[in-house]
């Protein structure tokens, strides 16, 4: 029989873990370097459950990496807890559809697949840390975007209602500008003693739409007062560039996350933004196709910046003239400019990263 002191001195086997996340429970699996399953178990989605999960996993050996599905949604709390305990975390993409058709699907199988993905580092990415000012910026931008959508919907409903309103209502607001119309409607005091009358009902509804528009406008302004200082503090170097304002810089910060060093290269950032062309060659045909993946909001932000530069930046205008003379279409030129802008943004978000320019052998620090 091996004494306890000698057993404790023996090296523990390396292990890898995976977690299939859900709203109420997380299912964890542990495997060894050969891929053999050492165990699976379910844990509650509470702080006590997170502690129990980590203790259970480490009870099998030395944890090398853990793969988690949905680190930005159901797995966000577990990801933050594990990061505080210096665990190497990988975000695991959904399992391959062909594997699911062959092997079926349940929570244990998904956790085991996540563990094997972490073992082989296949279909994995480094997740956002979600523990800093960029995460605060992200959720404030989510609230603002929702308020903007609701305000637009309120305005559309208001205009459509006016089109179908009785003539005595339409005649009062026919020639007003947008803000005159909204303030005029918000100030109405309709007599609600007879709401079965269509005229009265229209007045009540239009007043509601007008007030809702003004309330949402105030809400957006309040959120802007919180968002703008955060962006100005986090990315003054972005705001100095032509075509990049608060909206574009804020979205690019959110795409990079609180740990932009997780993006290993500017090519990886371009792929994340969906602006890197994908090879689509076959036989004697050599071509690339448009990348429709990546973060579409980041792609939109780069597009807005490029459109602004087409009007404001002399260098961009010269580039467009050159490429147009070579026979390229406007959309092809815009795609090239978005790729160049992604490279520029990457080095602005990662100051001090060594960048070897094509014309020199000595590394230069990107400006």
Protein backbone atom coordinates (compact mmCIF):
# COMPACT_ATOMS: atom_id res chain seq x y z
CA UNK A 1 0.00 0.00 0.00
CA UNK A 2 1.38 3.45 -1.01
CA UNK A 3 1.77 5.88 1.92
CA UNK A 4 -0.30 9.11 1.75
CA UNK A 5 2.82 11.30 1.62
CA UNK A 6 4.18 9.37 -1.35
CA UNK A 7 0.79 9.44 -3.11
CA UNK A 8 0.60 13.23 -2.73
CA UNK A 9 4.11 13.63 -4.16
CA UNK A 10 3.24 11.69 -7.33
CA UNK A 11 2.50 13.90 -10.36
CA UNK A 12 -1.20 14.24 -11.18
CA UNK A 13 -2.34 13.40 -14.70
CA UNK A 14 -3.20 16.28 -17.05
CA UNK A 15 -6.89 16.57 -17.87
CA UNK A 16 -9.17 18.58 -20.13
CA UNK A 17 -12.76 19.57 -19.48
CA UNK A 18 -15.80 20.73 -21.39
CA UNK A 19 -19.06 22.36 -20.32
CA UNK A 20 -22.44 22.39 -22.06
CA UNK A 21 -24.17 25.47 -20.65
CA UNK A 22 -27.88 26.00 -19.97
CA UNK A 23 -30.04 28.46 -18.05
CA UNK A 24 -30.49 26.39 -14.88
CA UNK A 25 -27.72 23.75 -15.03
CA UNK A 26 -24.30 23.27 -16.60
CA UNK A 27 -23.14 19.80 -17.65
CA UNK A 28 -19.39 19.22 -17.30
CA UNK A 29 -17.21 16.42 -18.68
CA UNK A 30 -13.58 15.51 -17.99
CA UNK A 31 -11.27 13.60 -20.34
CA UNK A 32 -7.61 12.56 -20.27
CA UNK A 33 -5.02 13.38 -23.00
CA UNK A 34 -6.05 10.20 -24.87
CA UNK A 35 -9.66 11.42 -25.06
CA UNK A 36 -11.00 8.86 -22.57
CA UNK A 37 -14.00 10.14 -20.63
CA UNK A 38 -13.28 10.26 -16.90
CA UNK A 39 -16.71 11.46 -15.84
CA UNK A 40 -19.67 13.77 -16.43
CA UNK A 41 -21.81 15.65 -13.93
CA UNK A 42 -24.41 18.43 -13.74
CA UNK A 43 -24.07 21.58 -11.62
CA UNK A 44 -26.39 24.48 -10.82
CA UNK A 45 -25.80 27.88 -12.39
CA UNK A 46 -24.99 29.59 -9.09
CA UNK A 47 -21.74 30.69 -7.49
CA UNK A 48 -21.84 27.60 -5.29
CA UNK A 49 -22.39 25.50 -8.41
CA UNK A 50 -19.42 27.13 -10.14
CA UNK A 51 -17.18 26.37 -7.15
CA UNK A 52 -18.40 22.77 -7.04
CA UNK A 53 -17.81 22.33 -10.77
CA UNK A 54 -14.24 23.59 -10.58
CA UNK A 55 -13.47 21.45 -7.51
CA UNK A 56 -14.94 18.36 -9.20
CA UNK A 57 -12.94 18.91 -12.38
CA UNK A 58 -9.68 19.49 -10.52
CA UNK A 59 -10.31 16.39 -8.46
CA UNK A 60 -9.51 14.33 -11.56
CA UNK A 61 -6.05 15.84 -12.15
CA UNK A 62 -4.27 18.98 -13.31
CA UNK A 63 -6.66 21.00 -15.48
CA UNK A 64 -4.91 22.18 -18.68
CA UNK A 65 -7.80 23.75 -20.59
CA UNK A 66 -11.57 23.88 -20.43
CA UNK A 67 -13.92 24.36 -23.37
CA UNK A 68 -17.23 26.14 -22.78
CA UNK A 69 -20.18 26.62 -25.11
CA UNK A 70 -21.86 30.03 -25.03
CA UNK A 71 -19.35 32.06 -23.01
CA UNK A 72 -21.26 35.22 -23.94
CA UNK A 73 -24.69 34.02 -22.83
CA UNK A 74 -25.51 31.10 -20.51
CA UNK A 75 -21.84 30.47 -19.82
CA UNK A 76 -20.89 34.07 -19.00
CA UNK A 77 -21.04 33.64 -15.21
CA UNK A 78 -19.03 30.42 -15.24
CA UNK A 79 -16.46 31.98 -17.57
CA UNK A 80 -15.92 34.91 -15.21
CA UNK A 81 -15.61 32.57 -12.22
CA UNK A 82 -13.04 30.33 -13.92
CA UNK A 83 -11.05 33.33 -15.17
CA UNK A 84 -10.66 34.53 -11.57
CA UNK A 85 -9.08 31.15 -10.75
CA UNK A 86 -6.56 31.38 -13.63
CA UNK A 87 -8.15 28.61 -15.69
CA UNK A 88 -7.35 28.58 -19.42
CA UNK A 89 -10.74 28.94 -21.14
CA UNK A 90 -11.63 28.31 -24.78
CA UNK A 91 -14.99 29.11 -26.34
CA UNK A 92 -16.22 26.09 -28.26
CA UNK A 93 -18.25 26.38 -31.42
CA UNK A 94 -21.38 24.26 -31.81
CA UNK A 95 -20.69 20.59 -32.68
CA UNK A 96 -20.41 19.56 -36.29
CA UNK A 97 -23.84 18.71 -37.76
CA UNK A 98 -22.57 15.47 -39.33
CA UNK A 99 -21.33 14.29 -35.91
CA UNK A 100 -24.73 14.98 -34.39
CA UNK A 101 -26.47 13.02 -37.13
CA UNK A 102 -24.18 10.04 -36.58
CA UNK A 103 -23.89 10.06 -32.79
CA UNK A 104 -27.04 11.83 -31.64
CA UNK A 105 -27.29 14.66 -29.12
CA UNK A 106 -27.63 15.04 -25.38
CA UNK A 107 -26.03 17.26 -22.76
CA UNK A 108 -23.36 14.72 -21.78
CA UNK A 109 -22.31 14.22 -25.40
CA UNK A 110 -22.14 18.00 -25.95
CA UNK A 111 -19.95 18.42 -22.84
CA UNK A 112 -17.65 15.60 -23.99
CA UNK A 113 -17.40 17.15 -27.46
CA UNK A 114 -16.52 20.49 -25.85
CA UNK A 115 -13.79 18.80 -23.80
CA UNK A 116 -12.34 17.11 -26.91
CA UNK A 117 -12.45 20.40 -28.77
CA UNK A 118 -10.43 21.96 -25.94
CA UNK A 119 -7.99 19.02 -26.02
CA UNK A 120 -7.29 19.38 -29.74
CA UNK A 121 -7.93 23.18 -29.85
CA UNK A 122 -10.28 22.60 -32.77
CA UNK A 123 -13.24 24.87 -33.53
CA UNK A 124 -12.29 27.03 -30.54
CA UNK A 125 -11.57 30.71 -29.85
CA UNK A 126 -10.38 32.72 -26.88
CA UNK A 127 -13.51 34.26 -25.30
CA UNK A 128 -13.97 37.88 -24.29
CA UNK A 129 -13.15 38.45 -20.64
CA UNK A 130 -16.29 40.62 -20.10
CA UNK A 131 -14.88 42.11 -16.91
CA UNK A 132 -13.98 45.68 -17.80
CA UNK A 133 -15.11 48.98 -19.24
CA UNK A 134 -15.76 47.52 -22.70
CA UNK A 135 -18.40 45.18 -21.26
CA UNK A 136 -20.04 48.18 -19.60
CA UNK A 137 -19.92 49.97 -22.95
CA UNK A 138 -21.46 46.96 -24.71
CA UNK A 139 -24.54 46.72 -22.50
CA UNK A 140 -25.11 50.49 -22.64
CA UNK A 141 -24.95 50.30 -26.44
CA UNK A 142 -27.46 47.43 -26.40
CA UNK A 143 -29.89 49.59 -24.42
CA UNK A 144 -29.34 52.53 -26.77
CA UNK A 145 -29.82 50.45 -29.91
CA UNK A 146 -33.09 49.08 -28.57
CA UNK A 147 -34.30 52.59 -27.73
CA UNK A 148 -33.42 53.77 -31.25
CA UNK A 149 -35.37 50.88 -32.79
CA UNK A 150 -38.40 51.57 -30.61
CA UNK A 151 -38.29 55.28 -31.43
CA UNK A 152 -38.18 54.50 -35.14
CA UNK A 153 -41.13 52.14 -34.77
CA UNK A 154 -43.09 54.78 -32.87
CA UNK A 155 -42.47 57.32 -35.64
CA UNK A 156 -43.52 54.84 -38.33
CA UNK A 157 -46.72 54.00 -36.45
CA UNK A 158 -47.44 57.68 -35.98
CA UNK A 159 -47.07 58.50 -39.67
CA UNK A 160 -49.13 55.48 -40.81
CA UNK A 161 -51.86 56.37 -38.33
CA UNK A 162 -52.03 59.94 -39.63
CA UNK A 163 -52.46 58.67 -43.19
CA UNK A 164 -55.58 56.72 -42.19
CA UNK A 165 -56.89 59.26 -39.65
CA UNK A 166 -60.23 61.12 -40.10
CA UNK A 167 -59.98 64.34 -42.08
CA UNK A 168 -60.57 66.61 -39.07
CA UNK A 169 -57.47 65.06 -37.45
CA UNK A 170 -55.30 65.02 -40.57
CA UNK A 171 -56.03 68.63 -41.43
CA UNK A 172 -54.59 69.81 -38.08
CA UNK A 173 -51.19 68.16 -38.63
CA UNK A 174 -50.86 68.00 -42.42
CA UNK A 175 -48.23 70.73 -42.90
CA UNK A 176 -46.12 70.33 -39.75
CA UNK A 177 -42.46 69.29 -39.74
CA UNK A 178 -41.50 66.14 -37.87
CA UNK A 179 -40.58 67.73 -34.53
CA UNK A 180 -43.44 70.24 -34.77
CA UNK A 181 -45.79 67.31 -35.37
CA UNK A 182 -44.47 65.26 -32.45
CA UNK A 183 -44.54 68.12 -29.95
CA UNK A 184 -47.97 69.21 -31.14
CA UNK A 185 -49.37 65.69 -30.71
CA UNK A 186 -47.70 65.20 -27.32
CA UNK A 187 -49.39 68.38 -26.09
CA UNK A 188 -52.89 67.27 -27.06
CA UNK A 189 -55.49 66.84 -24.30
CA UNK A 190 -58.24 64.81 -25.98
CA UNK A 191 -61.61 64.35 -24.32
CA UNK A 192 -61.69 60.64 -23.44
CA UNK A 193 -65.35 60.58 -22.40
CA UNK A 194 -66.30 58.97 -25.72
CA UNK A 195 -63.46 56.72 -26.90
CA UNK A 196 -65.81 54.81 -29.19
CA UNK A 197 -65.64 57.82 -31.52
CA UNK A 198 -62.83 57.18 -34.09
CA UNK A 199 -61.77 60.84 -33.97
CA UNK A 200 -61.26 60.69 -30.20
CA UNK A 201 -59.51 57.31 -30.42
CA UNK A 202 -57.11 58.62 -33.09
CA UNK A 203 -56.29 61.66 -30.97
CA UNK A 204 -55.51 59.45 -27.95
CA UNK A 205 -53.34 57.10 -30.01
CA UNK A 206 -51.42 59.90 -31.76
CA UNK A 207 -50.78 61.61 -28.42
CA UNK A 208 -49.40 58.30 -27.09
CA UNK A 209 -47.08 57.88 -30.10
CA UNK A 210 -45.82 61.46 -29.78
CA UNK A 211 -45.06 61.17 -26.07
CA UNK A 212 -43.38 57.80 -26.59
CA UNK A 213 -41.12 59.34 -29.24
CA UNK A 214 -40.09 62.20 -26.95
CA UNK A 215 -39.47 59.86 -23.99
CA UNK A 216 -37.27 57.59 -26.09
CA UNK A 217 -35.38 60.61 -27.43
CA UNK A 218 -34.61 61.69 -23.85
CA UNK A 219 -33.56 58.12 -23.00
CA UNK A 220 -31.18 58.00 -25.97
CA UNK A 221 -29.67 61.35 -24.98
CA UNK A 222 -29.11 60.11 -21.41
CA UNK A 223 -27.40 56.96 -22.70
CA UNK A 224 -25.23 59.03 -25.04
CA UNK A 225 -24.06 61.06 -22.04
CA UNK A 226 -22.81 57.79 -20.51
CA UNK A 227 -21.44 56.15 -23.67
CA UNK A 228 -19.48 59.04 -25.16
CA UNK A 229 -17.03 59.54 -22.23
CA UNK A 230 -16.31 55.79 -22.12
CA UNK A 231 -15.43 55.66 -25.83
CA UNK A 232 -13.36 58.84 -25.60
CA UNK A 233 -11.40 57.40 -22.67
CA UNK A 234 -10.89 53.93 -24.18
CA UNK A 235 -10.08 54.80 -27.79
CA UNK A 236 -8.93 58.40 -28.34
CA UNK A 237 -6.57 57.07 -31.03
CA UNK A 238 -9.52 55.75 -33.02
CA UNK A 239 -11.50 58.97 -32.79
CA UNK A 240 -8.55 60.90 -34.24
CA UNK A 241 -8.82 58.99 -37.53
CA UNK A 242 -10.91 60.25 -40.43
CA UNK A 243 -14.35 58.69 -40.67
CA UNK A 244 -14.36 57.13 -37.19
CA UNK A 245 -16.76 58.62 -34.67
CA UNK A 246 -18.35 57.52 -31.42
CA UNK A 247 -20.67 54.96 -33.04
CA UNK A 248 -17.98 53.27 -35.15
CA UNK A 249 -15.31 53.36 -32.43
CA UNK A 250 -17.75 52.01 -29.84
CA UNK A 251 -18.70 49.04 -32.00
CA UNK A 252 -15.05 48.22 -32.81
CA UNK A 253 -14.19 48.33 -29.11
CA UNK A 254 -17.05 45.95 -28.33
CA UNK A 255 -15.93 43.58 -31.09
CA UNK A 256 -12.38 43.50 -29.71
CA UNK A 257 -13.55 43.11 -26.10
CA UNK A 258 -11.76 43.88 -22.86
CA UNK A 259 -8.88 41.60 -23.94
CA UNK A 260 -7.99 42.58 -27.53
CA UNK A 261 -4.77 40.58 -27.21
CA UNK A 262 -6.93 37.46 -27.78
CA UNK A 263 -6.75 38.33 -31.50
CA UNK A 264 -3.40 36.91 -32.53
CA UNK A 265 -2.99 38.94 -35.73
CA UNK A 266 -4.57 41.63 -37.83
CA UNK A 267 -5.71 38.90 -40.23
CA UNK A 268 -7.62 37.28 -37.37
CA UNK A 269 -9.28 40.63 -36.59
CA UNK A 270 -10.22 41.03 -40.26
CA UNK A 271 -11.76 37.56 -40.22
CA UNK A 272 -13.63 38.44 -37.02
CA UNK A 273 -15.05 41.53 -38.75
CA UNK A 274 -15.97 39.57 -41.88
CA UNK A 275 -13.80 41.67 -44.23
CA UNK A 276 -11.20 39.06 -45.20
CA UNK A 277 -11.88 37.58 -48.67
CA UNK A 278 -12.22 33.81 -48.70
CA UNK A 279 -10.50 31.63 -51.34
CA UNK A 280 -12.93 30.05 -53.79
CA UNK A 281 -10.53 28.60 -56.37
CA UNK A 282 -10.95 25.39 -58.30
CA UNK A 283 -8.72 23.92 -61.00
CA UNK A 284 -7.48 26.66 -63.31
CA UNK A 285 -9.87 29.21 -61.80
CA UNK A 286 -8.24 31.34 -59.13
CA UNK A 287 -10.60 33.66 -57.28
CA UNK A 288 -11.83 34.86 -53.89
CA UNK A 289 -15.37 35.36 -52.70
CA UNK A 290 -17.06 37.73 -50.29
CA UNK A 291 -16.88 36.79 -46.62
CA UNK A 292 -20.41 36.73 -45.21
CA UNK A 293 -19.40 35.58 -41.73
CA UNK A 294 -17.87 37.32 -38.76
CA UNK A 295 -19.35 40.06 -36.59
CA UNK A 296 -21.80 41.80 -38.90
CA UNK A 297 -22.08 44.84 -36.64
CA UNK A 298 -18.30 45.30 -36.85
CA UNK A 299 -18.55 44.88 -40.62
CA UNK A 300 -21.22 47.58 -40.67
CA UNK A 301 -19.05 49.91 -38.58
CA UNK A 302 -16.12 49.51 -40.98
CA UNK A 303 -18.46 50.12 -43.92
CA UNK A 304 -19.73 53.37 -42.38
CA UNK A 305 -16.17 54.55 -41.78
CA UNK A 306 -15.15 53.77 -45.36
CA UNK A 307 -18.20 55.59 -46.80
CA UNK A 308 -17.25 58.64 -44.73
CA UNK A 309 -13.66 58.48 -45.98
CA UNK A 310 -14.85 58.34 -49.57
CA UNK A 311 -16.20 61.85 -49.03
CA UNK A 312 -13.62 63.31 -46.65
CA UNK A 313 -10.21 61.66 -47.01
CA UNK A 314 -7.93 62.76 -49.91
CA UNK A 315 -5.87 59.55 -49.75
CA UNK A 316 -9.02 57.44 -50.05
CA UNK A 317 -10.22 59.52 -52.99
CA UNK A 318 -6.87 59.01 -54.75
CA UNK A 319 -7.03 55.26 -54.11
CA UNK A 320 -10.57 55.08 -55.51
CA UNK A 321 -9.52 56.99 -58.64
CA UNK A 322 -6.58 54.63 -59.18
CA UNK A 323 -8.62 51.45 -58.74
CA UNK A 324 -11.46 52.79 -60.90
CA UNK A 325 -8.97 53.45 -63.70
CA UNK A 326 -7.81 49.84 -63.36
CA UNK A 327 -11.36 48.64 -64.00
CA UNK A 328 -12.50 47.72 -60.49
CA UNK A 329 -16.14 48.26 -59.47
CA UNK A 330 -17.16 50.53 -56.61
CA UNK A 331 -18.15 47.59 -54.39
CA UNK A 332 -14.80 45.87 -54.98
CA UNK A 333 -12.99 49.06 -54.01
CA UNK A 334 -15.07 49.44 -50.84
CA UNK A 335 -14.27 45.84 -49.83
CA UNK A 336 -10.54 46.51 -50.27
CA UNK A 337 -10.81 49.69 -48.21
CA UNK A 338 -12.65 47.84 -45.42
CA UNK A 339 -9.83 45.28 -45.30
CA UNK A 340 -7.21 48.03 -45.10
CA UNK A 341 -9.20 49.82 -42.40
CA UNK A 342 -9.45 46.60 -40.36
CA UNK A 343 -5.65 46.38 -40.38
CA UNK A 344 -5.38 50.02 -39.28
CA UNK A 345 -7.90 49.55 -36.47
CA UNK A 346 -6.19 46.39 -35.21
CA UNK A 347 -2.90 48.17 -34.57
CA UNK A 348 -4.71 51.15 -33.02
CA UNK A 349 -6.49 48.80 -30.59
CA UNK A 350 -3.21 46.97 -29.87
CA UNK A 351 -0.61 49.75 -29.55
CA UNK A 352 2.95 48.51 -29.36
CA UNK A 353 2.35 45.37 -31.46
CA UNK A 354 5.32 44.80 -33.73
CA UNK A 355 4.33 45.08 -37.37
CA UNK A 356 6.80 44.14 -40.12
CA UNK A 357 6.12 46.31 -43.14
CA UNK A 358 6.56 44.72 -46.60
CA UNK A 359 9.42 47.05 -47.59
CA UNK A 360 11.75 46.53 -44.62
CA UNK A 361 13.23 43.68 -42.65
CA UNK A 362 13.30 45.52 -39.36
CA UNK A 363 10.17 45.40 -37.18
CA UNK A 364 8.43 48.73 -36.77
CA UNK A 365 5.93 49.73 -34.13
CA UNK A 366 2.61 50.49 -35.79
CA UNK A 367 1.43 54.05 -35.25
